[in-house]
């Protein structure tokens, strides 16, 4: 009756676990880089939102309250250009 895995399979298992450890280690570095990039993007968006909120109305490139899809000619009494 065998007691465990045969001795010739142990080196293959250790080699496989060693390769798996290297792959996981590389993935950890990649995930850290992605997390830092996402955190930088999040802080940039937060900072730009704070800046836009503090700008005067005339300095903004767009009007938040009005849609830019199509002008509303019904409120304007003059002819459209």
N, C-alpha and C. Protein backbone atom coordinates (compact mmCIF):
# COMPACT_ATOMS: atom_id res chain seq x y z
N UNK A 1 0.84 -1.17 0.00
CA UNK A 1 0.00 0.00 0.00
C UNK A 1 0.90 1.25 0.00
N UNK A 2 0.73 2.15 -0.96
CA UNK A 2 1.58 3.33 -1.02
C UNK A 2 1.23 4.33 0.07
N UNK A 3 2.24 4.97 0.60
CA UNK A 3 2.04 5.93 1.68
C UNK A 3 1.70 7.33 1.18
N UNK A 4 2.09 7.71 0.03
CA UNK A 4 1.87 9.05 -0.49
C UNK A 4 2.27 9.09 -1.96
N UNK A 5 2.42 10.27 -2.47
CA UNK A 5 2.81 10.36 -3.88
C UNK A 5 4.21 9.81 -4.09
N UNK A 6 4.42 9.30 -5.26
CA UNK A 6 5.71 8.70 -5.55
C UNK A 6 6.80 9.77 -5.53
N UNK A 7 8.01 9.40 -5.19
CA UNK A 7 9.09 10.40 -5.06
C UNK A 7 9.42 11.11 -6.36
N UNK A 8 9.17 10.50 -7.51
CA UNK A 8 9.52 11.17 -8.76
C UNK A 8 8.52 12.27 -9.13
N UNK A 9 7.38 12.33 -8.49
CA UNK A 9 6.40 13.38 -8.76
C UNK A 9 6.64 14.62 -7.90
N UNK A 10 7.36 14.48 -6.78
CA UNK A 10 7.59 15.63 -5.89
C UNK A 10 8.39 16.74 -6.56
N UNK A 11 9.48 16.47 -7.29
CA UNK A 11 10.20 17.58 -7.94
C UNK A 11 9.34 18.31 -8.98
N UNK A 12 8.50 17.59 -9.69
CA UNK A 12 7.63 18.22 -10.68
C UNK A 12 6.63 19.13 -9.97
N UNK A 13 6.12 18.69 -8.84
CA UNK A 13 5.17 19.50 -8.08
C UNK A 13 5.85 20.75 -7.53
N UNK A 14 7.08 20.60 -7.03
CA UNK A 14 7.81 21.75 -6.51
C UNK A 14 8.15 22.74 -7.63
N UNK A 15 8.49 22.23 -8.78
CA UNK A 15 8.78 23.10 -9.92
C UNK A 15 7.52 23.86 -10.34
N UNK A 16 6.40 23.15 -10.35
CA UNK A 16 5.14 23.79 -10.73
C UNK A 16 4.75 24.86 -9.71
N UNK A 17 4.93 24.57 -8.43
CA UNK A 17 4.62 25.55 -7.40
C UNK A 17 5.58 26.74 -7.47
N UNK A 18 6.83 26.50 -7.82
CA UNK A 18 7.79 27.58 -7.99
C UNK A 18 7.40 28.50 -9.14
N UNK A 19 6.98 27.91 -10.25
CA UNK A 19 6.52 28.73 -11.39
C UNK A 19 5.26 29.51 -11.03
N UNK A 20 4.36 28.85 -10.33
CA UNK A 20 3.13 29.52 -9.90
C UNK A 20 3.44 30.70 -8.98
N UNK A 21 4.40 30.54 -8.10
CA UNK A 21 4.80 31.60 -7.19
C UNK A 21 5.38 32.79 -7.98
N UNK A 22 6.17 32.52 -9.01
CA UNK A 22 6.72 33.59 -9.84
C UNK A 22 5.62 34.34 -10.58
N UNK A 23 4.65 33.63 -11.12
CA UNK A 23 3.55 34.26 -11.85
C UNK A 23 2.72 35.13 -10.91
N UNK A 24 2.42 34.62 -9.73
CA UNK A 24 1.64 35.39 -8.76
C UNK A 24 2.42 36.62 -8.31
N UNK A 25 3.72 36.49 -8.13
CA UNK A 25 4.55 37.64 -7.77
C UNK A 25 4.53 38.70 -8.84
N UNK A 26 4.58 38.31 -10.11
CA UNK A 26 4.50 39.26 -11.21
C UNK A 26 3.12 39.92 -11.27
N UNK A 27 2.08 39.16 -11.00
CA UNK A 27 0.73 39.72 -11.01
C UNK A 27 0.56 40.74 -9.89
N UNK A 28 1.18 40.50 -8.74
CA UNK A 28 1.09 41.45 -7.64
C UNK A 28 1.68 42.80 -8.04
N UNK A 29 2.81 42.79 -8.73
CA UNK A 29 3.43 44.03 -9.19
C UNK A 29 2.51 44.73 -10.16
N UNK A 30 1.93 43.99 -11.09
CA UNK A 30 1.01 44.57 -12.07
C UNK A 30 -0.22 45.17 -11.38
N UNK A 31 -0.77 44.47 -10.42
CA UNK A 31 -1.95 44.96 -9.71
C UNK A 31 -1.64 46.22 -8.90
N UNK A 32 -0.45 46.29 -8.34
CA UNK A 32 -0.06 47.49 -7.59
C UNK A 32 0.06 48.68 -8.53
N UNK A 33 0.64 48.47 -9.72
CA UNK A 33 0.76 49.55 -10.70
C UNK A 33 -0.62 50.02 -11.14
N UNK A 34 -1.52 49.10 -11.40
CA UNK A 34 -2.88 49.47 -11.80
C UNK A 34 -3.58 50.22 -10.67
N UNK A 35 -3.42 49.78 -9.42
CA UNK A 35 -4.06 50.46 -8.29
C UNK A 35 -3.53 51.88 -8.13
N UNK A 36 -2.22 52.07 -8.29
CA UNK A 36 -1.66 53.42 -8.19
C UNK A 36 -2.18 54.30 -9.32
N UNK A 37 -2.28 53.76 -10.52
CA UNK A 37 -2.82 54.52 -11.65
C UNK A 37 -4.27 54.92 -11.43
N UNK A 38 -5.07 54.01 -10.92
CA UNK A 38 -6.48 54.34 -10.66
C UNK A 38 -6.63 55.36 -9.54
N UNK A 39 -5.80 55.27 -8.53
CA UNK A 39 -5.85 56.25 -7.45
C UNK A 39 -5.44 57.63 -7.96
N UNK A 40 -4.45 57.69 -8.83
CA UNK A 40 -4.04 58.97 -9.42
C UNK A 40 -5.16 59.55 -10.27
N UNK A 41 -5.81 58.72 -11.06
CA UNK A 41 -6.93 59.18 -11.87
C UNK A 41 -8.07 59.69 -11.00
N UNK A 42 -8.36 58.99 -9.93
CA UNK A 42 -9.42 59.40 -9.01
C UNK A 42 -9.11 60.75 -8.38
N UNK A 43 -7.89 60.93 -7.92
CA UNK A 43 -7.51 62.21 -7.30
C UNK A 43 -7.52 63.34 -8.33
N UNK A 44 -7.13 63.06 -9.56
CA UNK A 44 -7.15 64.08 -10.61
C UNK A 44 -8.58 64.52 -10.90
N UNK A 45 -9.50 63.56 -10.99
CA UNK A 45 -10.91 63.91 -11.23
C UNK A 45 -11.50 64.69 -10.06
N UNK A 46 -11.17 64.29 -8.85
CA UNK A 46 -11.67 64.99 -7.67
C UNK A 46 -11.13 66.42 -7.63
N UNK A 47 -9.85 66.58 -7.92
CA UNK A 47 -9.23 67.90 -7.93
C UNK A 47 -9.84 68.79 -9.02
N UNK A 48 -10.04 68.23 -10.21
CA UNK A 48 -10.61 69.03 -11.30
C UNK A 48 -12.07 69.41 -11.01
N UNK A 49 -12.81 68.54 -10.34
CA UNK A 49 -14.18 68.88 -9.98
C UNK A 49 -14.21 70.03 -8.98
N UNK A 50 -13.29 70.01 -8.03
CA UNK A 50 -13.21 71.10 -7.06
C UNK A 50 -12.84 72.41 -7.74
N UNK A 51 -11.94 72.36 -8.70
CA UNK A 51 -11.53 73.56 -9.43
C UNK A 51 -12.70 74.10 -10.25
N UNK A 52 -13.44 73.23 -10.93
CA UNK A 52 -14.57 73.67 -11.75
C UNK A 52 -15.64 74.31 -10.88
N UNK A 53 -15.88 73.76 -9.69
CA UNK A 53 -16.89 74.33 -8.80
C UNK A 53 -16.52 75.72 -8.32
N UNK A 54 -15.23 76.04 -8.23
CA UNK A 54 -14.79 77.34 -7.74
C UNK A 54 -14.57 78.37 -8.84
N UNK A 55 -14.68 77.97 -10.10
CA UNK A 55 -14.51 78.93 -11.20
C UNK A 55 -15.74 79.82 -11.31
N UNK A 56 -15.58 81.08 -11.73
CA UNK A 56 -16.75 81.91 -11.97
C UNK A 56 -17.54 81.38 -13.17
N UNK A 57 -18.78 81.74 -13.26
CA UNK A 57 -19.67 81.20 -14.28
C UNK A 57 -19.16 81.49 -15.70
N UNK A 58 -18.62 82.68 -15.94
CA UNK A 58 -18.18 83.04 -17.28
C UNK A 58 -16.91 82.30 -17.70
N UNK A 59 -16.14 81.82 -16.78
CA UNK A 59 -14.90 81.14 -17.11
C UNK A 59 -15.11 79.68 -17.47
N UNK A 60 -16.27 79.16 -17.23
CA UNK A 60 -16.54 77.76 -17.54
C UNK A 60 -16.70 77.58 -19.04
N UNK A 61 -16.28 76.46 -19.54
CA UNK A 61 -16.37 76.18 -20.96
C UNK A 61 -17.77 75.71 -21.36
N UNK A 62 -18.57 75.32 -20.41
CA UNK A 62 -19.91 74.85 -20.69
C UNK A 62 -20.84 75.28 -19.57
N UNK A 63 -22.12 75.31 -19.88
CA UNK A 63 -23.12 75.65 -18.87
C UNK A 63 -23.71 74.36 -18.36
N UNK A 64 -23.63 74.13 -17.08
CA UNK A 64 -24.09 72.87 -16.48
C UNK A 64 -25.61 72.74 -16.58
N UNK A 65 -26.32 73.84 -16.47
CA UNK A 65 -27.78 73.77 -16.44
C UNK A 65 -28.44 73.67 -17.79
N UNK A 66 -27.73 73.91 -18.89
CA UNK A 66 -28.36 73.91 -20.20
C UNK A 66 -27.78 72.78 -21.05
N UNK A 67 -28.64 72.09 -21.76
CA UNK A 67 -28.21 71.02 -22.64
C UNK A 67 -27.63 71.60 -23.91
N UNK A 68 -26.56 71.00 -24.42
CA UNK A 68 -25.94 71.49 -25.65
C UNK A 68 -26.40 70.69 -26.86
N UNK A 69 -27.35 69.77 -26.67
CA UNK A 69 -27.78 68.92 -27.78
C UNK A 69 -28.51 69.72 -28.85
N UNK A 70 -29.50 70.49 -28.47
CA UNK A 70 -30.23 71.30 -29.44
C UNK A 70 -30.72 72.56 -28.75
N UNK A 71 -30.62 73.70 -29.43
CA UNK A 71 -31.09 74.93 -28.81
C UNK A 71 -32.61 74.97 -28.70
N UNK A 72 -33.12 75.66 -27.72
CA UNK A 72 -34.56 75.79 -27.52
C UNK A 72 -35.00 77.10 -28.16
N UNK A 73 -35.53 77.01 -29.36
CA UNK A 73 -35.95 78.20 -30.11
C UNK A 73 -37.31 78.69 -29.66
N UNK A 74 -38.04 77.91 -28.85
CA UNK A 74 -39.39 78.29 -28.46
C UNK A 74 -39.38 79.51 -27.51
N UNK A 75 -38.32 79.68 -26.72
CA UNK A 75 -38.27 80.80 -25.78
C UNK A 75 -37.71 82.06 -26.43
N UNK A 76 -37.02 81.91 -27.56
CA UNK A 76 -36.43 83.06 -28.25
C UNK A 76 -37.44 83.59 -29.26
N UNK A 77 -37.71 84.89 -29.24
CA UNK A 77 -38.69 85.50 -30.14
C UNK A 77 -38.11 85.82 -31.51
N UNK A 78 -36.79 85.90 -31.60
CA UNK A 78 -36.18 86.22 -32.89
C UNK A 78 -36.07 84.98 -33.74
N UNK A 79 -35.80 85.19 -35.03
CA UNK A 79 -35.62 84.06 -35.95
C UNK A 79 -34.28 83.39 -35.72
N UNK A 80 -34.24 82.08 -35.90
CA UNK A 80 -32.96 81.38 -35.74
C UNK A 80 -32.01 81.81 -36.87
N UNK A 81 -30.72 81.79 -36.64
CA UNK A 81 -29.77 82.23 -37.69
C UNK A 81 -29.74 81.30 -38.87
